[in-house]
Amino acid sequence: VMMPDVDGYQVCRAIRECASRAATKVIFLSAKSQPTDVAQGYEAGADLYIPKPFSTRQLMEKVRGLLTT
């Protein structure tokens, strides 16, 4: 979410606005874990929002679930 020039929410919205990239899966992995942060990620178009800390197992389960839908 936190990047030098633009934030992840802006990047996600740009991906969703581009027809050729609209089906691209977007996953936020972020230290920002407040409910408002998570909601903002989903409102921007995220497919998943995974707050840190998370285990490798949790990450793999969520990614597998996303890719099989």
N, C-alpha and C. Protein backbone atom coordinates (compact mmCIF):
# COMPACT_ATOMS: atom_id res chain seq x y z
N VAL A 1 0.83 -1.19 0.00
CA VAL A 1 0.00 0.00 0.00
C VAL A 1 0.87 1.25 0.00
N MET A 2 1.92 1.22 0.81
CA MET A 2 2.78 2.40 0.94
C MET A 2 3.96 2.28 -0.03
N MET A 3 3.99 3.17 -1.01
CA MET A 3 5.05 3.18 -2.01
C MET A 3 5.51 4.62 -2.20
N PRO A 4 6.68 4.83 -2.81
CA PRO A 4 7.25 6.18 -2.89
C PRO A 4 6.43 7.24 -3.62
N ASP A 5 5.97 6.96 -4.82
CA ASP A 5 5.34 8.01 -5.64
C ASP A 5 3.81 7.92 -5.69
N VAL A 6 3.29 6.73 -5.71
CA VAL A 6 1.84 6.52 -5.68
C VAL A 6 1.58 5.43 -4.64
N ASP A 7 0.34 5.34 -4.18
CA ASP A 7 0.08 4.26 -3.23
C ASP A 7 -0.55 3.06 -3.95
N GLY A 8 -0.59 1.95 -3.26
CA GLY A 8 -1.12 0.72 -3.84
C GLY A 8 -2.57 0.83 -4.26
N TYR A 9 -3.33 1.65 -3.54
CA TYR A 9 -4.73 1.85 -3.90
C TYR A 9 -4.83 2.47 -5.30
N GLN A 10 -3.97 3.46 -5.57
CA GLN A 10 -3.96 4.11 -6.88
C GLN A 10 -3.56 3.13 -7.97
N VAL A 11 -2.55 2.30 -7.68
CA VAL A 11 -2.11 1.30 -8.65
C VAL A 11 -3.23 0.32 -8.94
N CYS A 12 -3.90 -0.13 -7.90
CA CYS A 12 -5.01 -1.07 -8.07
C CYS A 12 -6.12 -0.47 -8.92
N ARG A 13 -6.49 0.76 -8.63
CA ARG A 13 -7.53 1.43 -9.43
C ARG A 13 -7.11 1.54 -10.89
N ALA A 14 -5.83 1.85 -11.14
CA ALA A 14 -5.34 1.97 -12.51
C ALA A 14 -5.42 0.63 -13.23
N ILE A 15 -5.10 -0.45 -12.52
CA ILE A 15 -5.20 -1.79 -13.12
C ILE A 15 -6.65 -2.07 -13.48
N ARG A 16 -7.56 -1.77 -12.60
CA ARG A 16 -8.99 -2.05 -12.83
C ARG A 16 -9.57 -1.19 -13.95
N GLU A 17 -9.03 0.00 -14.15
CA GLU A 17 -9.53 0.90 -15.20
C GLU A 17 -9.04 0.51 -16.59
N CYS A 18 -7.99 -0.28 -16.67
CA CYS A 18 -7.42 -0.69 -17.95
C CYS A 18 -8.08 -2.00 -18.39
N ALA A 19 -8.84 -1.96 -19.45
CA ALA A 19 -9.61 -3.12 -19.90
C ALA A 19 -8.74 -4.35 -20.11
N SER A 20 -7.54 -4.18 -20.63
CA SER A 20 -6.69 -5.33 -20.91
C SER A 20 -6.10 -5.95 -19.65
N ARG A 21 -6.20 -5.25 -18.53
CA ARG A 21 -5.67 -5.76 -17.27
C ARG A 21 -6.77 -6.00 -16.22
N ALA A 22 -7.99 -5.82 -16.59
CA ALA A 22 -9.10 -5.88 -15.63
C ALA A 22 -9.20 -7.23 -14.93
N ALA A 23 -8.79 -8.30 -15.58
CA ALA A 23 -8.87 -9.63 -14.97
C ALA A 23 -7.66 -9.97 -14.11
N THR A 24 -6.67 -9.09 -14.07
CA THR A 24 -5.48 -9.31 -13.26
C THR A 24 -5.86 -9.39 -11.79
N LYS A 25 -5.36 -10.42 -11.11
CA LYS A 25 -5.62 -10.57 -9.69
C LYS A 25 -4.73 -9.60 -8.92
N VAL A 26 -5.32 -8.89 -7.96
CA VAL A 26 -4.57 -7.93 -7.15
C VAL A 26 -4.67 -8.36 -5.69
N ILE A 27 -3.50 -8.55 -5.08
CA ILE A 27 -3.43 -8.93 -3.67
C ILE A 27 -2.62 -7.89 -2.93
N PHE A 28 -3.20 -7.34 -1.89
CA PHE A 28 -2.48 -6.42 -1.02
C PHE A 28 -1.86 -7.21 0.12
N LEU A 29 -0.57 -7.05 0.35
CA LEU A 29 0.13 -7.57 1.52
C LEU A 29 0.62 -6.33 2.24
N SER A 30 0.03 -6.03 3.38
CA SER A 30 0.30 -4.72 3.98
C SER A 30 0.39 -4.76 5.49
N ALA A 31 1.22 -3.87 6.03
CA ALA A 31 1.29 -3.66 7.47
C ALA A 31 0.10 -2.84 7.95
N LYS A 32 -0.59 -2.21 7.02
CA LYS A 32 -1.79 -1.42 7.37
C LYS A 32 -2.96 -2.39 7.52
N SER A 33 -3.39 -2.59 8.77
CA SER A 33 -4.37 -3.64 9.02
C SER A 33 -5.65 -3.15 9.69
N GLN A 34 -5.82 -1.86 9.79
CA GLN A 34 -7.05 -1.33 10.36
C GLN A 34 -8.22 -1.62 9.42
N PRO A 35 -9.41 -1.81 9.96
CA PRO A 35 -10.56 -2.10 9.10
C PRO A 35 -10.75 -1.08 7.97
N THR A 36 -10.45 0.18 8.24
CA THR A 36 -10.59 1.20 7.19
C THR A 36 -9.57 0.99 6.07
N ASP A 37 -8.36 0.52 6.42
CA ASP A 37 -7.33 0.24 5.41
C ASP A 37 -7.76 -0.92 4.52
N VAL A 38 -8.24 -1.98 5.17
CA VAL A 38 -8.70 -3.16 4.43
C VAL A 38 -9.87 -2.79 3.52
N ALA A 39 -10.82 -2.05 4.05
CA ALA A 39 -11.97 -1.61 3.25
C ALA A 39 -11.52 -0.77 2.06
N GLN A 40 -10.56 0.11 2.28
CA GLN A 40 -10.07 0.95 1.19
C GLN A 40 -9.43 0.09 0.10
N GLY A 41 -8.72 -0.95 0.49
CA GLY A 41 -8.13 -1.86 -0.50
C GLY A 41 -9.18 -2.54 -1.36
N TYR A 42 -10.21 -3.06 -0.70
CA TYR A 42 -11.28 -3.71 -1.46
C TYR A 42 -12.05 -2.72 -2.31
N GLU A 43 -12.26 -1.52 -1.81
CA GLU A 43 -12.95 -0.49 -2.59
C GLU A 43 -12.15 -0.10 -3.83
N ALA A 44 -10.81 -0.18 -3.73
CA ALA A 44 -9.95 0.13 -4.88
C ALA A 44 -9.98 -0.98 -5.92
N GLY A 45 -10.47 -2.18 -5.52
CA GLY A 45 -10.58 -3.28 -6.47
C GLY A 45 -9.74 -4.50 -6.14
N ALA A 46 -9.18 -4.57 -4.95
CA ALA A 46 -8.35 -5.72 -4.57
C ALA A 46 -9.18 -7.00 -4.55
N ASP A 47 -8.53 -8.09 -4.93
CA ASP A 47 -9.16 -9.40 -4.82
C ASP A 47 -8.94 -9.98 -3.43
N LEU A 48 -7.81 -9.65 -2.83
CA LEU A 48 -7.47 -10.07 -1.47
C LEU A 48 -6.72 -8.96 -0.78
N TYR A 49 -6.88 -8.88 0.52
CA TYR A 49 -6.11 -7.94 1.34
C TYR A 49 -5.63 -8.75 2.53
N ILE A 50 -4.34 -8.99 2.60
CA ILE A 50 -3.76 -9.81 3.66
C ILE A 50 -2.88 -8.93 4.54
N PRO A 51 -3.31 -8.68 5.77
CA PRO A 51 -2.50 -7.85 6.66
C PRO A 51 -1.33 -8.64 7.25
N LYS A 52 -0.22 -7.95 7.46
CA LYS A 52 0.94 -8.55 8.12
C LYS A 52 0.69 -8.53 9.62
N PRO A 53 1.24 -9.44 10.38
CA PRO A 53 2.04 -10.59 9.92
C PRO A 53 1.14 -11.73 9.45
N PHE A 54 1.68 -12.53 8.57
CA PHE A 54 0.98 -13.72 8.09
C PHE A 54 2.01 -14.80 7.89
N SER A 55 1.57 -16.04 7.96
CA SER A 55 2.49 -17.15 7.74
C SER A 55 2.51 -17.51 6.25
N THR A 56 3.55 -18.19 5.86
CA THR A 56 3.65 -18.65 4.47
C THR A 56 2.46 -19.55 4.15
N ARG A 57 2.09 -20.38 5.11
CA ARG A 57 0.96 -21.29 4.91
C ARG A 57 -0.33 -20.51 4.66
N GLN A 58 -0.59 -19.50 5.48
CA GLN A 58 -1.79 -18.68 5.30
C GLN A 58 -1.79 -18.02 3.92
N LEU A 59 -0.64 -17.47 3.55
CA LEU A 59 -0.53 -16.80 2.25
C LEU A 59 -0.82 -17.78 1.11
N MET A 60 -0.19 -18.95 1.16
CA MET A 60 -0.39 -19.93 0.10
C MET A 60 -1.85 -20.39 0.02
N GLU A 61 -2.49 -20.59 1.16
CA GLU A 61 -3.89 -21.01 1.16
C GLU A 61 -4.78 -19.95 0.51
N LYS A 62 -4.54 -18.70 0.86
CA LYS A 62 -5.37 -17.62 0.31
C LYS A 62 -5.14 -17.44 -1.19
N VAL A 63 -3.88 -17.53 -1.61
CA VAL A 63 -3.57 -17.38 -3.03
C VAL A 63 -4.16 -18.54 -3.82
N ARG A 64 -4.00 -19.75 -3.31
CA ARG A 64 -4.59 -20.92 -4.00
C ARG A 64 -6.11 -20.74 -4.13
N GLY A 65 -6.73 -20.31 -3.05
CA GLY A 65 -8.18 -20.10 -3.08
C GLY A 65 -8.58 -19.08 -4.12
N LEU A 66 -7.81 -18.01 -4.22
CA LEU A 66 -8.11 -16.97 -5.20
C LEU A 66 -7.94 -17.48 -6.62
N LEU A 67 -6.89 -18.25 -6.86
CA LEU A 67 -6.60 -18.72 -8.21
C LEU A 67 -7.54 -19.82 -8.67
N THR A 68 -8.23 -20.46 -7.75
CA THR A 68 -9.15 -21.53 -8.14
C THR A 68 -10.58 -21.03 -8.31
N THR A 69 -10.79 -19.73 -8.08
CA THR A 69 -12.15 -19.19 -8.24
C THR A 69 -12.33 -18.58 -9.60
